[in-house]
Each structure stands twice: as structure tokens, then as C-alpha cells.
């Protein structure tokens, strides 16, 4: 038997018989194509490729991994799912804390 628990509150979803909600999140670098200008057409494409390769060789494996896309999957109980859908980025939770400005 497969065992499921809520990834937020830890509630056992297998024993309780509650419905389980699956949340999938994908994070990846955004790409906004630049407008091509007349000066861009004068650039040497081989020189541009060389610059990109040199830049990538200087990056550490952690920096390269951080720039790749990542996927996340969470199992949520009905209560946590409702909270997530109403505030997916957790902004409301941050507002609940009242930090002084010392």
C-alpha cells in the first residue's frame, strides 16, 4: 500500500481517507527575446559563441545547476490545498509577522 502524508502539515492522508491534492511547480529561467538592431547584424556569430563558452566554463557546477529548470511535486490535504490556492506564494503569511524597524 502506498502511504501519503501532507507535505505541509504532515497529516496522514492514507489512514484518514481524505482526498489528496497534488501540486506541481516548475521553475525555469525566463527568456525575453531582444529586439534585433542593425548593430547586432554586424557582430561575428563565432565570436559570440566563443564568449558564451568562455563564460560557461568559468561557472561552478552550483551556478550551472541553479540556472536550470527545476520541478517540485507536493501532496496536500484539503485544508492545506485551500490555503495554498488562496495564497500560493505565502505573501499573506509574511504580512502576519509585525517586525519592528530597529
Protein backbone atom coordinates (compact mmCIF):
# COMPACT_ATOMS: atom_id res chain seq x y z
CA UNK A 1 0.00 0.00 0.00
CA UNK A 2 1.27 3.46 -0.90
CA UNK A 3 1.47 5.88 2.02
CA UNK A 4 0.71 9.59 1.57
CA UNK A 5 1.18 12.45 4.03
CA UNK A 6 0.53 16.15 3.55
CA UNK A 7 3.81 17.83 2.71
CA UNK A 8 2.80 20.95 4.67
CA UNK A 9 1.12 19.79 7.88
CA UNK A 10 2.23 16.14 7.95
CA UNK A 11 -1.31 14.75 8.19
CA UNK A 12 -1.57 11.06 7.25
CA UNK A 13 -3.72 11.05 4.12
CA UNK A 14 -3.72 7.28 3.73
CA UNK A 15 -5.34 6.42 7.08
CA UNK A 16 -7.72 9.40 7.22
CA UNK A 17 -9.21 8.72 3.82
CA UNK A 18 -9.10 12.43 2.99
CA UNK A 19 -8.71 13.39 -0.63
CA UNK A 20 -5.21 14.26 -1.67
CA UNK A 21 -4.33 17.22 -3.88
CA UNK A 22 -1.16 17.17 -5.97
CA UNK A 23 0.60 20.48 -6.59
CA UNK A 24 3.29 20.67 -9.25
CA UNK A 25 5.54 23.69 -9.58
CA UNK A 26 8.08 24.30 -12.31
CA UNK A 27 10.75 26.98 -12.05
CA UNK A 28 12.89 27.85 -15.05
CA UNK A 29 14.84 30.81 -16.38
CA UNK A 30 12.68 33.27 -18.28
CA UNK A 31 13.67 34.31 -21.76
CA UNK A 32 12.70 37.60 -23.28
CA UNK A 33 13.90 37.83 -26.87
CA UNK A 34 15.77 41.04 -27.51
CA UNK A 35 14.92 43.30 -30.37
CA UNK A 36 17.46 42.86 -33.16
CA UNK A 37 19.20 46.09 -34.10
CA UNK A 38 21.34 46.92 -37.10
CA UNK A 39 24.50 46.73 -34.94
CA UNK A 40 23.64 43.15 -33.96
CA UNK A 41 23.85 42.04 -37.56
CA UNK A 42 27.46 43.25 -37.72
CA UNK A 43 28.54 41.02 -34.81
CA UNK A 44 30.60 37.92 -35.59
CA UNK A 45 28.49 34.88 -34.53
CA UNK A 46 31.58 32.71 -33.91
CA UNK A 47 32.99 35.36 -31.58
CA UNK A 48 29.67 35.47 -29.69
CA UNK A 49 29.69 31.67 -29.31
CA UNK A 50 33.27 31.78 -28.02
CA UNK A 51 32.27 34.40 -25.40
CA UNK A 52 29.33 32.24 -24.22
CA UNK A 53 31.53 29.13 -23.96
CA UNK A 54 34.22 31.02 -22.03
CA UNK A 55 31.59 32.42 -19.66
CA UNK A 56 30.06 28.97 -19.06
CA UNK A 57 33.47 27.40 -18.35
CA UNK A 58 34.02 29.99 -15.60
CA UNK A 59 30.80 28.99 -13.83
CA UNK A 60 30.86 26.49 -10.99
CA UNK A 61 28.65 23.41 -11.11
CA UNK A 62 26.38 25.00 -8.46
CA UNK A 63 25.91 28.10 -10.64
CA UNK A 64 25.11 25.98 -13.67
CA UNK A 65 22.64 23.84 -11.70
CA UNK A 66 20.95 26.95 -10.28
CA UNK A 67 20.27 28.24 -13.79
CA UNK A 68 18.47 25.07 -14.91
CA UNK A 69 14.79 24.38 -14.60
CA UNK A 70 13.51 22.56 -11.51
CA UNK A 71 10.25 20.79 -10.85
CA UNK A 72 8.58 20.26 -7.50
CA UNK A 73 5.68 17.97 -6.55
CA UNK A 74 3.74 18.16 -3.30
CA UNK A 75 0.85 16.18 -1.81
CA UNK A 76 -1.53 18.37 0.20
CA UNK A 77 -4.51 17.64 2.41
CA UNK A 78 -7.75 19.53 1.58
CA UNK A 79 -7.10 22.22 4.23
CA UNK A 80 -3.53 22.93 3.10
CA UNK A 81 -4.61 22.85 -0.54
CA UNK A 82 -7.22 25.51 0.15
CA UNK A 83 -4.61 27.68 1.90
CA UNK A 84 -2.17 27.17 -0.98
CA UNK A 85 -4.70 28.06 -3.67
CA UNK A 86 -5.68 31.24 -1.81
CA UNK A 87 -2.06 32.35 -1.27
CA UNK A 88 0.33 30.33 -3.48
CA UNK A 89 3.40 32.48 -2.75
CA UNK A 90 2.78 32.75 1.00
CA UNK A 91 2.63 36.55 0.91
CA UNK A 92 -0.17 36.67 3.48
CA UNK A 93 1.92 34.68 5.98
CA UNK A 94 4.71 37.25 5.72
CA UNK A 95 2.26 40.07 6.46
CA UNK A 96 1.17 38.34 9.66
CA UNK A 97 4.58 39.00 11.17
CA UNK A 98 4.98 42.52 12.51
CA UNK A 99 8.70 43.22 12.61
CA UNK A 100 9.95 46.38 14.31
CA UNK A 101 12.19 48.70 12.29
CA UNK A 102 15.14 48.99 14.72
